[in-house]
Amino acid sequence: MLLELAAPVKVVGDLHGQFNDLLRIFKMCGYPPNANYLFLGDYVDRGKQSLETMILLLCLKVKYPENFFLLRGNHESASITKMYGFFDECKRRSNVKTWKIIVDVFNTLPVAATIADRIFCVHGGLSPQLTDLKQIKSIQRPTDIPETGLLADLLWSDPESSNSEWSENDRGVSYCFNKKVVNKFNDRFEFDLIARGHMVVEQGYEFFAKRKLVTIFSAPNYCGEFNNWGAVMNVDKKLMCSFELLKPNAISNSSNSLSPFKK
């Protein structure tokens, strides 16, 4: 369940059913296969077009398997999608069978990736149980997301400025970890950066632990409430990282489609 990718690659954070913004990302950053993509999860829930978002991503994965990669987020789960909208959207716009088929896909998605052995990518964060990257590779698929343990931590944990290395997470699942944990992890596995999603950040990206970790969130104007920017991290061949930004847009979370995907 650990992908090993090469640069260059575009790293995309949470989308949450904001299909129009996914199209904006491709228009801004390039279409596959001319651009390589790694998505960090949370494709569905809360937004109004989770079905279009998920179906387009899966079609692109089938069409460009060597250029297009999808990680699992904490919302790629049967129980979470029943709580936050995707199940209801499938039932309303299609049927429960469609939801079940997509959940089966969720249960097979990889949960982490490395870029050129220098950047560690995951949806949530780190785990006190993670002592060897082989542990991630050995996670058996298909699997649901358990409430505790390594897999839950990778998809649910958060960085936090705290004196405690590991502390209780306000989400009620997993932990929060401080900069010491980030530095120990990067030193141990010789990573320069951890890239993760899972949190709304005002500018679309936000560094932590003196730029040793970055949070990337790619759904601007999240839920029509936050007025946040969206961001995509561009990793070039020399592993230099830069960010392309999506301005908050009043129609980000609407059901009005932009021009269709063409390539």
Protein backbone atom coordinates (compact mmCIF):
# COMPACT_ATOMS: atom_id res chain seq x y z
CA MET A 1 0.00 0.00 0.00
CA LEU A 2 3.04 2.28 -0.41
CA LEU A 3 3.58 3.78 -3.85
CA GLU A 4 7.11 4.65 -4.96
CA LEU A 5 6.91 7.49 -7.47
CA ALA A 6 9.38 9.57 -9.44
CA ALA A 7 9.40 13.32 -10.02
CA PRO A 8 8.04 15.46 -11.60
CA VAL A 9 4.56 15.18 -10.12
CA LYS A 10 1.69 17.44 -9.04
CA VAL A 11 0.40 16.74 -5.53
CA VAL A 12 -3.29 17.52 -4.94
CA GLY A 13 -5.02 17.70 -1.57
CA ASP A 14 -8.65 17.31 -0.50
CA LEU A 15 -11.35 17.85 -3.15
CA HIS A 16 -14.57 16.89 -1.32
CA GLY A 17 -16.82 16.69 -4.33
CA GLN A 18 -15.93 20.12 -5.73
CA PHE A 19 -15.90 18.91 -9.31
CA ASN A 20 -15.60 22.35 -10.89
CA ASP A 21 -12.42 22.93 -8.93
CA LEU A 22 -10.99 19.61 -10.10
CA LEU A 23 -11.51 20.85 -13.67
CA ARG A 24 -9.87 24.15 -12.73
CA ILE A 25 -6.86 22.22 -11.40
CA PHE A 26 -6.40 20.40 -14.70
CA LYS A 27 -6.79 23.63 -16.66
CA MET A 28 -4.23 25.37 -14.42
CA CYS A 29 -1.70 22.57 -13.95
CA GLY A 30 -2.03 20.54 -17.14
CA TYR A 31 -3.87 17.44 -18.23
CA PRO A 32 -2.58 13.91 -17.89
CA PRO A 33 -0.49 12.36 -19.36
CA ASN A 34 1.39 15.63 -19.96
CA ALA A 35 1.35 16.17 -16.20
CA ASN A 36 1.74 13.46 -13.56
CA TYR A 37 -0.59 13.57 -10.56
CA LEU A 38 -0.73 12.25 -7.03
CA PHE A 39 -3.96 12.88 -5.11
CA LEU A 40 -3.91 12.68 -1.31
CA GLY A 41 -7.50 11.51 -0.75
CA ASP A 42 -10.85 12.88 0.43
CA TYR A 43 -12.45 12.97 -3.00
CA VAL A 44 -16.05 12.76 -1.79
CA ASP A 45 -18.49 14.08 0.85
CA ARG A 46 -19.74 17.57 1.64
CA GLY A 47 -19.50 18.85 -1.96
CA LYS A 48 -22.44 18.47 -4.35
CA GLN A 49 -20.64 16.59 -7.13
CA SER A 50 -18.82 13.75 -5.45
CA LEU A 51 -20.02 11.29 -8.09
CA GLU A 52 -18.58 13.26 -11.00
CA THR A 53 -15.38 13.86 -9.08
CA MET A 54 -14.83 10.21 -8.22
CA ILE A 55 -15.82 8.86 -11.62
CA LEU A 56 -13.53 11.25 -13.49
CA LEU A 57 -10.59 10.40 -11.22
CA LEU A 58 -11.15 6.68 -11.69
CA CYS A 59 -11.46 7.05 -15.46
CA LEU A 60 -8.17 8.94 -15.57
CA LYS A 61 -6.52 6.27 -13.43
CA VAL A 62 -7.67 3.61 -15.91
CA LYS A 63 -6.62 5.71 -18.91
CA TYR A 64 -3.23 6.81 -17.55
CA PRO A 65 -2.15 4.22 -14.95
CA GLU A 66 1.52 5.29 -15.04
CA ASN A 67 0.82 9.02 -14.69
CA PHE A 68 -2.12 9.23 -12.31
CA PHE A 69 -2.17 8.04 -8.69
CA LEU A 70 -4.84 8.10 -5.99
CA LEU A 71 -4.27 7.69 -2.25
CA ARG A 72 -6.97 6.94 0.26
CA GLY A 73 -8.29 9.58 2.64
CA ASN A 74 -10.34 9.10 5.79
CA HIS A 75 -13.51 9.91 3.81
CA GLU A 76 -12.92 6.97 1.48
CA SER A 77 -14.84 4.76 3.89
CA ALA A 78 -18.32 3.25 3.98
CA SER A 79 -19.14 4.58 7.44
CA ILE A 80 -17.87 8.13 6.83
CA THR A 81 -19.63 8.47 3.47
CA LYS A 82 -22.89 7.49 5.15
CA MET A 83 -22.45 10.38 7.57
CA TYR A 84 -21.17 13.15 5.31
CA GLY A 85 -23.11 12.95 2.08
CA PHE A 86 -21.70 10.62 -0.55
CA PHE A 87 -24.01 7.72 0.29
CA ASP A 88 -27.05 10.01 0.09
CA GLU A 89 -25.81 11.53 -3.18
CA CYS A 90 -25.41 8.08 -4.74
CA LYS A 91 -28.85 7.01 -3.53
CA ARG A 92 -30.46 10.21 -4.83
CA ARG A 93 -28.68 10.49 -8.17
CA SER A 94 -27.94 6.85 -8.96
CA ASN A 95 -28.46 3.91 -6.60
CA VAL A 96 -26.98 2.12 -3.60
CA LYS A 97 -25.22 -0.37 -5.89
CA THR A 98 -23.14 2.49 -7.33
CA TRP A 99 -22.09 3.48 -3.81
CA LYS A 100 -21.16 -0.11 -2.94
CA ILE A 101 -19.03 -0.47 -6.07
CA ILE A 102 -17.14 2.75 -5.30
CA VAL A 103 -16.68 1.75 -1.65
CA ASP A 104 -15.13 -1.49 -2.91
CA VAL A 105 -12.64 0.67 -4.81
CA PHE A 106 -11.98 2.75 -1.69
CA ASN A 107 -11.07 -0.41 0.19
CA THR A 108 -8.29 -1.18 -2.29
CA LEU A 109 -6.64 2.26 -2.54
CA PRO A 110 -3.01 2.69 -1.41
CA VAL A 111 -2.52 4.86 1.67
CA ALA A 112 0.92 6.43 1.24
CA ALA A 113 3.53 7.27 -1.38
CA THR A 114 7.11 8.40 -1.65
CA ILE A 115 8.44 10.76 -4.30
CA ALA A 116 12.05 10.01 -5.29
CA ASP A 117 12.56 8.56 -1.80
CA ARG A 118 12.68 12.12 -0.40
CA ILE A 119 9.05 13.18 0.06
CA PHE A 120 6.58 11.12 2.09
CA CYS A 121 2.95 11.61 1.08
CA VAL A 122 -0.11 10.55 3.07
CA HIS A 123 -3.61 11.85 3.71
CA GLY A 124 -3.50 12.37 7.47
CA GLY A 125 -0.14 11.97 9.10
CA LEU A 126 2.11 9.81 11.23
CA SER A 127 1.55 7.01 13.73
CA PRO A 128 3.29 6.00 16.97
CA GLN A 129 3.13 2.45 15.61
CA LEU A 130 5.08 3.27 12.46
CA THR A 131 8.69 2.13 12.87
CA ASP A 132 9.35 0.67 9.42
CA LEU A 133 7.91 1.60 6.02
CA LYS A 134 7.48 -2.12 5.34
CA GLN A 135 4.56 -1.95 7.77
CA ILE A 136 2.69 0.20 5.24
CA LYS A 137 3.57 -2.13 2.39
CA SER A 138 2.27 -5.09 4.39
CA ILE A 139 -1.23 -3.68 5.01
CA GLN A 140 -3.54 -6.13 3.31
CA ARG A 141 -6.14 -4.97 0.81
CA PRO A 142 -9.10 -4.77 0.49
CA THR A 143 -9.73 -3.37 3.94
CA ASP A 144 -12.07 -1.00 5.72
CA ILE A 145 -10.54 1.69 7.92
CA PRO A 146 -10.35 0.53 11.55
CA GLU A 147 -11.00 2.88 14.46
CA THR A 148 -7.48 2.52 15.85
CA GLY A 149 -4.05 1.41 14.73
CA LEU A 150 -1.57 2.21 11.98
CA LEU A 151 -4.03 2.55 9.10
CA ALA A 152 -6.36 4.79 11.10
CA ASP A 153 -3.45 7.01 12.12
CA LEU A 154 -2.14 7.41 8.57
CA LEU A 155 -5.55 8.66 7.45
CA TRP A 156 -6.70 10.59 10.54
CA SER A 157 -3.77 12.08 12.51
CA ASP A 158 -2.85 15.79 12.51
CA PRO A 159 0.20 17.95 13.25
CA GLU A 160 -0.13 20.24 16.25
CA SER A 161 2.09 22.72 18.05
CA SER A 162 2.40 21.02 21.41
CA ASN A 163 4.98 20.02 23.99
CA SER A 164 3.69 16.46 23.86
CA GLU A 165 4.97 14.30 21.02
CA TRP A 166 1.61 12.49 20.84
CA SER A 167 -1.63 13.92 22.18
CA GLU A 168 -5.37 13.32 21.95
CA ASN A 169 -6.97 14.40 18.68
CA ASP A 170 -10.09 16.59 18.91
CA ARG A 171 -11.55 14.64 16.00
CA GLY A 172 -12.04 11.73 18.40
CA VAL A 173 -9.91 9.44 16.24
CA SER A 174 -6.15 8.88 16.24
CA TYR A 175 -3.58 11.39 17.56
CA CYS A 176 -1.95 14.75 17.08
CA PHE A 177 1.84 14.81 16.71
CA ASN A 178 4.31 17.64 17.26
CA LYS A 179 7.38 18.86 15.38
CA LYS A 180 9.69 16.50 17.26
CA VAL A 181 7.80 13.55 15.80
CA VAL A 182 8.10 15.06 12.31
CA ASN A 183 11.85 15.61 12.68
CA LYS A 184 12.46 12.12 14.07
CA PHE A 185 10.47 10.53 11.26
CA ASN A 186 12.21 12.50 8.51
CA ASP A 187 15.65 11.84 10.00
CA ARG A 188 15.00 8.14 10.45
CA PHE A 189 13.77 7.56 6.90
CA GLU A 190 15.85 10.29 5.20
CA PHE A 191 12.87 12.31 4.00
CA ASP A 192 13.10 16.04 3.31
CA LEU A 193 9.36 16.67 3.52
CA ILE A 194 6.03 15.16 4.55
CA ALA A 195 3.11 16.18 2.31
CA ARG A 196 -0.40 15.62 3.66
CA GLY A 197 -3.96 16.93 3.37
CA HIS A 198 -6.86 16.45 5.80
CA MET A 199 -7.09 20.05 7.09
CA VAL A 200 -8.52 23.27 5.66
CA VAL A 201 -5.77 25.89 5.49
CA GLU A 202 -6.42 29.49 4.52
CA GLN A 203 -3.82 29.84 1.77
CA GLY A 204 -4.30 26.33 0.36
CA TYR A 205 -1.00 25.17 1.80
CA GLU A 206 0.66 25.60 5.18
CA PHE A 207 4.07 24.56 6.46
CA PHE A 208 4.81 23.02 9.86
CA ALA A 209 7.99 22.10 11.75
CA LYS A 210 10.20 24.57 9.87
CA ARG A 211 9.04 23.44 6.43
CA LYS A 212 9.52 19.74 7.15
CA LEU A 213 5.78 19.10 6.72
CA VAL A 214 3.22 20.76 4.48
CA THR A 215 -0.56 20.55 4.51
CA ILE A 216 -2.15 20.82 1.05
CA PHE A 217 -5.86 21.55 0.62
CA SER A 218 -7.21 21.82 -2.92
CA ALA A 219 -10.89 22.69 -2.44
CA PRO A 220 -11.16 26.52 -2.49
CA ASN A 221 -14.09 28.19 -0.76
CA TYR A 222 -14.62 24.88 1.04
CA CYS A 223 -18.31 24.11 1.54
CA GLY A 224 -19.05 27.66 0.41
CA GLU A 225 -18.11 28.84 3.91
CA PHE A 226 -14.36 29.12 4.48
CA ASN A 227 -13.18 31.55 1.77
CA ASN A 228 -9.92 29.61 1.66
CA TRP A 229 -7.65 29.26 -1.35
CA GLY A 230 -6.88 25.89 -2.91
CA ALA A 231 -3.36 24.74 -3.72
CA VAL A 232 -1.49 22.15 -5.75
CA MET A 233 2.15 21.37 -4.97
CA ASN A 234 4.39 21.04 -8.01
CA VAL A 235 7.46 18.83 -7.47
CA ASP A 236 9.92 19.26 -10.34
CA LYS A 237 12.63 16.86 -11.50
CA LYS A 238 15.12 18.38 -9.05
CA LEU A 239 12.56 17.99 -6.21
CA MET A 240 12.06 21.73 -5.93
CA CYS A 241 8.54 22.37 -4.62
CA SER A 242 6.33 25.25 -5.66
CA PHE A 243 2.62 25.92 -5.34
CA GLU A 244 -0.08 26.76 -7.85
CA LEU A 245 -3.09 28.45 -6.28
CA LEU A 246 -6.83 28.36 -6.90
CA LYS A 247 -8.61 31.54 -5.91
CA PRO A 248 -11.84 31.14 -3.89
CA ASN A 249 -14.73 31.04 -6.32
CA ALA A 250 -18.38 31.61 -5.49
CA ILE A 251 -19.44 28.67 -7.68
CA SER A 252 -16.85 26.20 -6.37
CA ASN A 253 -19.44 24.15 -4.56
CA SER A 254 -22.30 24.59 -7.01
CA SER A 255 -23.60 22.02 -9.46
CA ASN A 256 -23.01 24.20 -12.54
CA SER A 257 -20.42 22.52 -14.75
CA LEU A 258 -17.56 24.29 -16.46
CA SER A 259 -16.43 23.29 -19.94
CA PRO A 260 -16.07 19.51 -20.24
CA PHE A 261 -12.79 17.70 -19.75
CA LYS A 262 -10.99 17.49 -23.09
CA LYS A 263 -7.72 15.77 -23.92
